[in-house]
Amino acid sequence: MFSIGEFARLGLVSVRMLRHYDAIGLLRPAHVDPVSGYRSYQADQLARLNRIVAIKDLGFTLEQVRVILDEKVSTEELHGMVRLRRAELESRISADLARLRNVEARLRTIETEGQMRTAEVLLKSVPRTRVAQLAARAGGYEPEHVGPVITPLFDELCRRMEGAGVRTAGPGIAHYLQEDDGSIMVHACLPVNVPPGAYGFDVVDLPAIKTAATIIHHGAMEEAWSTFQALAHWIEENGYRSRALAREISLHVPCDRNEWVTELQIEVIPC
C-alpha cells in the first residue's frame, strides 16, 4: 500500500485534496492506522481517483461526482460527457470572443462620434419580394446572439434550395421580428421565382416598404454600430420615426467578413 503522500504524487493531486475526499466520503483510504491515524491507499484506488478528477474538471460539483460514480458510469459514457463539455466550452469561448468583438466595435464607434456619415443615407421604396425563408429564435438582437443563428440558417437554406432544385434570384436578405419576451425571430431569406409549395422551406412574399431609410455598411456585421448610429442620426434629424428592425441585404459576401457589403433598410414614417 501507499502512504497518502505517495498516493497523492502517483495520482497527481494534493494531499490536502485527498484528505478532503476522505472527509466527505468520496474516496476513503484503504486503511487508517488506529493509533497514528495515517492513511494508506491501494493502487487500484487510482481508478476511482482518476474518475473523480475527470468528472470534477468537467464542471460537476463533488456531490454530483459522487452520484455519477455511484451509478457506475462507463468509460464510453465519460467520453460522451467530455464531448458534451467540450462543445459547451467551445460555445462559451465563441460567445466570449463575440462579446469582445462587440465591445471593440462599440469603442471604435465612440471614437468616430461626431463624424457620422448621415449624407450617405438614402430614402427609397422597397418592392415586395418573393423569398425562400427559414427562421429560428435568437436570445436578443445583439451580434453575439444573432451571428450564431443567422449564418447556419443561410447555410441550411442554401442546402435545402439546392436539394429542391430552386435557384436564387437575388442577394440574401435577413430580417428580424421582436418577440414579447425580448427574443428575436431571425429570418434568413433568398429571393426566388417559384410558387409556394412543399420544398423543405417556406416561400413567402416579403411586404413592400413604402419608405425606407437605407445606408451601405462595409465590413462584418459585428462592426455595424457606427453605421446604425449614422442611420439613427439621419432619421431623427430629418423628422422620421422607425417602424421595425432593419432588413439586411447582403450585396457582397466574400469569405473575408471584413470585405462584406451590406445594405441596411429601416422602414420610416414622418413624425
Protein backbone atom coordinates (compact mmCIF):
# COMPACT_ATOMS: atom_id res chain seq x y z
CA MET A 1 0.00 0.00 0.00
CA PHE A 2 1.00 3.64 -0.38
CA SER A 3 1.16 6.44 2.13
CA ILE A 4 -1.10 9.40 1.45
CA GLY A 5 1.90 11.38 0.19
CA GLU A 6 2.93 8.64 -2.25
CA PHE A 7 -0.62 8.16 -3.44
CA ALA A 8 -1.03 11.91 -3.99
CA ARG A 9 2.14 12.01 -6.12
CA LEU A 10 1.07 9.00 -8.16
CA GLY A 11 -2.43 10.42 -8.64
CA LEU A 12 -1.19 13.93 -9.47
CA VAL A 13 -3.29 15.53 -6.75
CA SER A 14 -2.52 17.22 -3.45
CA VAL A 15 -2.53 15.58 -0.03
CA ARG A 16 -4.97 18.25 1.08
CA MET A 17 -7.37 17.20 -1.69
CA LEU A 18 -7.14 13.52 -0.68
CA ARG A 19 -7.93 14.43 2.91
CA HIS A 20 -10.95 16.41 1.70
CA TYR A 21 -12.19 13.49 -0.42
CA ASP A 22 -11.83 11.27 2.64
CA ALA A 23 -13.71 13.72 4.87
CA ILE A 24 -16.70 13.85 2.53
CA GLY A 25 -16.67 10.10 1.86
CA LEU A 26 -15.78 10.40 -1.81
CA LEU A 27 -12.52 8.43 -1.64
CA ARG A 28 -11.80 6.59 1.61
CA PRO A 29 -8.29 5.25 2.33
CA ALA A 30 -7.90 1.51 2.08
CA HIS A 31 -6.56 1.54 5.63
CA VAL A 32 -6.29 4.02 8.50
CA ASP A 33 -3.86 3.22 11.31
CA PRO A 34 -5.94 3.27 14.53
CA VAL A 35 -3.04 4.66 16.56
CA SER A 36 -1.32 7.16 14.28
CA GLY A 37 -4.26 7.95 12.02
CA TYR A 38 -2.01 7.54 8.96
CA ARG A 39 -3.96 6.88 5.77
CA SER A 40 -2.85 4.21 3.31
CA TYR A 41 -4.11 3.63 -0.24
CA GLN A 42 -4.01 0.79 -2.76
CA ALA A 43 -3.02 1.09 -6.42
CA ASP A 44 -6.45 0.07 -7.67
CA GLN A 45 -7.91 3.17 -5.94
CA LEU A 46 -6.22 5.30 -8.60
CA ALA A 47 -9.01 4.29 -10.98
CA ARG A 48 -11.63 5.95 -8.75
CA LEU A 49 -9.38 8.96 -8.20
CA ASN A 50 -8.97 9.40 -11.96
CA ARG A 51 -12.74 9.36 -12.40
CA ILE A 52 -13.25 11.86 -9.57
CA VAL A 53 -10.77 14.33 -11.05
CA ALA A 54 -12.03 13.88 -14.63
CA ILE A 55 -15.68 14.36 -13.73
CA LYS A 56 -14.93 17.28 -11.39
CA ASP A 57 -12.92 19.00 -14.13
CA LEU A 58 -15.96 18.72 -16.40
CA GLY A 59 -17.61 21.25 -14.11
CA PHE A 60 -19.61 18.98 -11.80
CA THR A 61 -19.81 19.55 -8.06
CA LEU A 62 -18.32 16.93 -5.77
CA GLU A 63 -21.82 15.85 -4.73
CA GLN A 64 -22.68 15.35 -8.41
CA VAL A 65 -19.42 13.43 -8.83
CA ARG A 66 -20.50 11.11 -6.02
CA VAL A 67 -23.86 10.44 -7.68
CA ILE A 68 -22.22 9.77 -11.06
CA LEU A 69 -19.70 7.36 -9.55
CA ASP A 70 -22.39 5.56 -7.57
CA GLU A 71 -24.21 5.00 -10.88
CA LYS A 72 -21.02 3.33 -12.19
CA VAL A 73 -20.63 5.47 -15.29
CA SER A 74 -18.78 3.62 -18.06
CA THR A 75 -15.68 4.84 -19.88
CA GLU A 76 -17.73 5.41 -23.02
CA GLU A 77 -20.22 7.50 -21.05
CA LEU A 78 -17.32 9.54 -19.66
CA HIS A 79 -16.10 10.14 -23.22
CA GLY A 80 -19.60 11.31 -24.10
CA MET A 81 -19.57 13.71 -21.15
CA VAL A 82 -16.19 15.05 -22.30
CA ARG A 83 -17.53 15.62 -25.82
CA LEU A 84 -20.55 17.45 -24.43
CA ARG A 85 -18.39 19.56 -22.13
CA ARG A 86 -16.02 20.38 -24.99
CA ALA A 87 -18.95 21.60 -27.08
CA GLU A 88 -20.20 23.74 -24.17
CA LEU A 89 -16.77 25.26 -23.62
CA GLU A 90 -16.27 25.96 -27.33
CA SER A 91 -19.67 27.63 -27.43
CA ARG A 92 -18.81 29.72 -24.37
CA ILE A 93 -15.45 30.73 -25.87
CA SER A 94 -17.17 31.71 -29.13
CA ALA A 95 -19.71 33.78 -27.20
CA ASP A 96 -16.97 35.47 -25.15
CA LEU A 97 -14.99 36.28 -28.31
CA ALA A 98 -18.14 37.68 -29.92
CA ARG A 99 -18.74 39.89 -26.88
CA LEU A 100 -15.13 41.07 -27.04
CA ARG A 101 -15.50 41.95 -30.73
CA ASN A 102 -18.74 43.71 -29.85
CA VAL A 103 -17.00 45.84 -27.20
CA GLU A 104 -14.16 46.67 -29.59
CA ALA A 105 -16.66 47.69 -32.28
CA ARG A 106 -18.53 49.89 -29.80
CA LEU A 107 -15.26 51.57 -28.81
CA ARG A 108 -14.47 52.28 -32.45
CA THR A 109 -17.94 53.77 -32.79
CA ILE A 110 -17.28 56.01 -29.79
CA GLU A 111 -14.01 57.15 -31.39
CA THR A 112 -15.85 58.22 -34.56
CA GLU A 113 -18.68 60.08 -32.84
CA GLY A 114 -19.10 63.48 -34.43
CA GLN A 115 -18.12 62.02 -37.81
CA MET A 116 -21.48 60.44 -38.65
CA ARG A 117 -22.00 59.55 -42.33
CA THR A 118 -25.56 60.85 -42.49
CA ALA A 119 -25.03 62.20 -46.01
CA GLU A 120 -24.85 58.60 -47.23
CA VAL A 121 -28.41 57.78 -46.14
CA LEU A 122 -30.93 57.49 -48.98
CA LEU A 123 -34.72 57.28 -48.89
CA LYS A 124 -36.29 54.80 -51.26
CA SER A 125 -39.21 52.42 -51.69
CA VAL A 126 -38.58 48.66 -51.50
CA PRO A 127 -40.79 46.42 -53.67
CA ARG A 128 -42.47 43.25 -52.47
CA THR A 129 -40.04 40.37 -52.81
CA ARG A 130 -40.75 36.64 -53.03
CA VAL A 131 -38.23 34.70 -50.96
CA ALA A 132 -37.33 31.26 -49.74
CA GLN A 133 -37.12 31.52 -45.97
CA LEU A 134 -36.01 29.70 -42.84
CA ALA A 135 -36.43 31.12 -39.32
CA ALA A 136 -35.01 30.47 -35.86
CA ARG A 137 -35.04 32.21 -32.50
CA ALA A 138 -32.12 34.21 -31.06
CA GLY A 139 -31.77 35.37 -27.47
CA GLY A 140 -31.51 39.03 -28.45
CA TYR A 141 -30.68 41.49 -31.22
CA GLU A 142 -27.02 41.87 -30.27
CA PRO A 143 -24.47 40.44 -32.76
CA GLU A 144 -23.34 37.77 -30.29
CA HIS A 145 -26.91 36.42 -30.27
CA VAL A 146 -27.80 36.88 -33.93
CA GLY A 147 -24.50 35.81 -35.51
CA PRO A 148 -24.52 32.17 -34.34
CA VAL A 149 -28.11 31.84 -35.59
CA ILE A 150 -28.19 33.64 -38.94
CA THR A 151 -25.10 32.04 -40.52
CA PRO A 152 -26.23 28.40 -40.03
CA LEU A 153 -29.71 29.40 -41.22
CA PHE A 154 -28.38 30.66 -44.54
CA ASP A 155 -26.16 27.59 -44.90
CA GLU A 156 -29.13 25.29 -44.29
CA LEU A 157 -31.38 27.31 -46.61
CA CYS A 158 -28.83 27.07 -49.44
CA ARG A 159 -28.52 23.32 -48.87
CA ARG A 160 -32.29 22.79 -48.98
CA MET A 161 -32.73 25.00 -52.03
CA GLU A 162 -30.06 23.06 -53.88
CA GLY A 163 -31.76 19.81 -52.94
CA ALA A 164 -35.11 21.14 -54.19
CA GLY A 165 -33.59 22.45 -57.41
CA VAL A 166 -34.62 26.03 -56.63
CA ARG A 167 -32.26 28.77 -57.79
CA THR A 168 -31.56 32.07 -56.05
CA ALA A 169 -32.83 35.18 -57.84
CA GLY A 170 -31.04 37.87 -55.84
CA PRO A 171 -28.90 38.72 -52.81
CA GLY A 172 -29.64 37.30 -49.37
CA ILE A 173 -31.96 39.17 -47.03
CA ALA A 174 -32.02 38.95 -43.24
CA HIS A 175 -34.93 40.39 -41.31
CA TYR A 176 -35.94 40.23 -37.67
CA LEU A 177 -39.06 40.31 -35.52
CA GLN A 178 -39.03 41.30 -31.84
CA GLU A 179 -40.93 38.84 -29.62
CA ASP A 180 -42.77 39.82 -26.43
CA ASP A 181 -40.20 38.02 -24.27
CA GLY A 182 -37.33 40.03 -25.75
CA SER A 183 -36.09 37.27 -28.03
CA ILE A 184 -35.72 37.76 -31.77
CA MET A 185 -37.09 35.67 -34.62
CA VAL A 186 -34.29 35.61 -37.17
CA HIS A 187 -35.28 35.09 -40.81
CA ALA A 188 -32.80 34.06 -43.49
CA CYS A 189 -34.21 34.74 -46.96
CA LEU A 190 -33.12 34.31 -50.57
CA PRO A 191 -35.18 35.76 -53.45
CA VAL A 192 -36.78 33.12 -55.70
CA ASN A 193 -39.09 32.90 -58.71
CA VAL A 194 -41.18 29.88 -57.68
CA PRO A 195 -44.70 29.49 -56.30
CA PRO A 196 -45.27 28.43 -52.68
CA GLY A 197 -45.04 24.69 -52.19
CA ALA A 198 -43.53 21.81 -50.23
CA TYR A 199 -39.81 22.48 -50.59
CA GLY A 200 -38.49 21.97 -47.08
CA PHE A 201 -38.50 25.75 -46.59
CA ASP A 202 -41.12 28.50 -46.71
CA VAL A 203 -41.79 30.54 -49.82
CA VAL A 204 -43.31 33.87 -48.79
CA ASP A 205 -43.63 37.42 -50.06
CA LEU A 206 -41.75 39.98 -48.00
CA PRO A 207 -44.03 43.02 -47.91
CA ALA A 208 -43.05 46.17 -49.75
CA ILE A 209 -41.65 49.08 -47.76
CA LYS A 210 -43.16 52.37 -48.86
CA THR A 211 -40.37 54.48 -47.40
CA ALA A 212 -37.07 53.02 -46.21
CA ALA A 213 -34.04 54.88 -44.91
CA THR A 214 -31.07 52.99 -46.29
CA ILE A 215 -27.31 53.05 -45.88
CA ILE A 216 -24.45 50.83 -47.06
CA HIS A 217 -22.30 49.15 -44.42
CA HIS A 218 -18.82 47.92 -45.32
CA GLY A 219 -17.38 45.15 -43.16
CA ALA A 220 -18.60 42.44 -40.81
CA MET A 221 -21.98 42.98 -39.19
CA GLU A 222 -20.31 42.92 -35.78
CA GLU A 223 -18.80 46.24 -36.86
CA ALA A 224 -22.11 47.86 -37.88
CA TRP A 225 -22.61 50.02 -34.77
CA SER A 226 -21.32 53.23 -36.36
CA THR A 227 -23.39 52.61 -39.49
CA PHE A 228 -26.55 52.11 -37.44
CA GLN A 229 -25.66 55.22 -35.43
CA ALA A 230 -25.36 57.29 -38.62
CA LEU A 231 -28.72 55.95 -39.76
CA ALA A 232 -30.32 56.81 -36.41
CA HIS A 233 -28.98 60.38 -36.53
CA TRP A 234 -30.32 60.86 -40.05
CA ILE A 235 -33.78 59.53 -39.12
CA GLU A 236 -34.02 61.89 -36.15
CA GLU A 237 -32.59 64.93 -37.93
CA ASN A 238 -34.96 64.55 -40.88
CA GLY A 239 -38.17 64.19 -38.88
CA TYR A 240 -38.84 60.47 -39.22
CA ARG A 241 -39.56 57.57 -36.87
CA SER A 242 -38.51 53.97 -37.45
CA ARG A 243 -41.20 51.29 -37.55
CA ALA A 244 -39.28 48.00 -37.43
CA LEU A 245 -35.89 46.38 -37.10
CA ALA A 246 -33.59 46.75 -40.08
CA ARG A 247 -33.53 44.47 -43.07
CA GLU A 248 -30.02 43.48 -44.10
CA ILE A 249 -29.35 42.97 -47.82
CA SER A 250 -26.13 41.05 -48.47
CA LEU A 251 -24.73 42.76 -51.56
CA HIS A 252 -21.27 41.18 -51.37
CA VAL A 253 -20.36 38.27 -49.09
CA PRO A 254 -16.80 37.02 -49.69
CA CYS A 255 -15.01 34.68 -47.30
CA ASP A 256 -13.32 37.63 -45.59
CA ARG A 257 -16.06 39.13 -43.42
CA ASN A 258 -14.21 42.45 -43.33
CA GLU A 259 -14.97 42.81 -47.04
CA TRP A 260 -18.72 42.28 -46.74
CA VAL A 261 -21.02 44.90 -48.23
CA THR A 262 -24.49 45.09 -46.67
CA GLU A 263 -27.38 47.49 -47.27
CA LEU A 264 -29.35 48.33 -44.15
CA GLN A 265 -33.01 49.19 -44.72
CA ILE A 266 -35.26 50.61 -41.98
CA GLU A 267 -38.90 51.41 -42.61
CA VAL A 268 -39.65 55.00 -41.56
CA ILE A 269 -42.68 57.30 -41.31
CA PRO A 270 -42.84 61.05 -40.77
CA CYS A 271 -43.16 62.18 -37.16
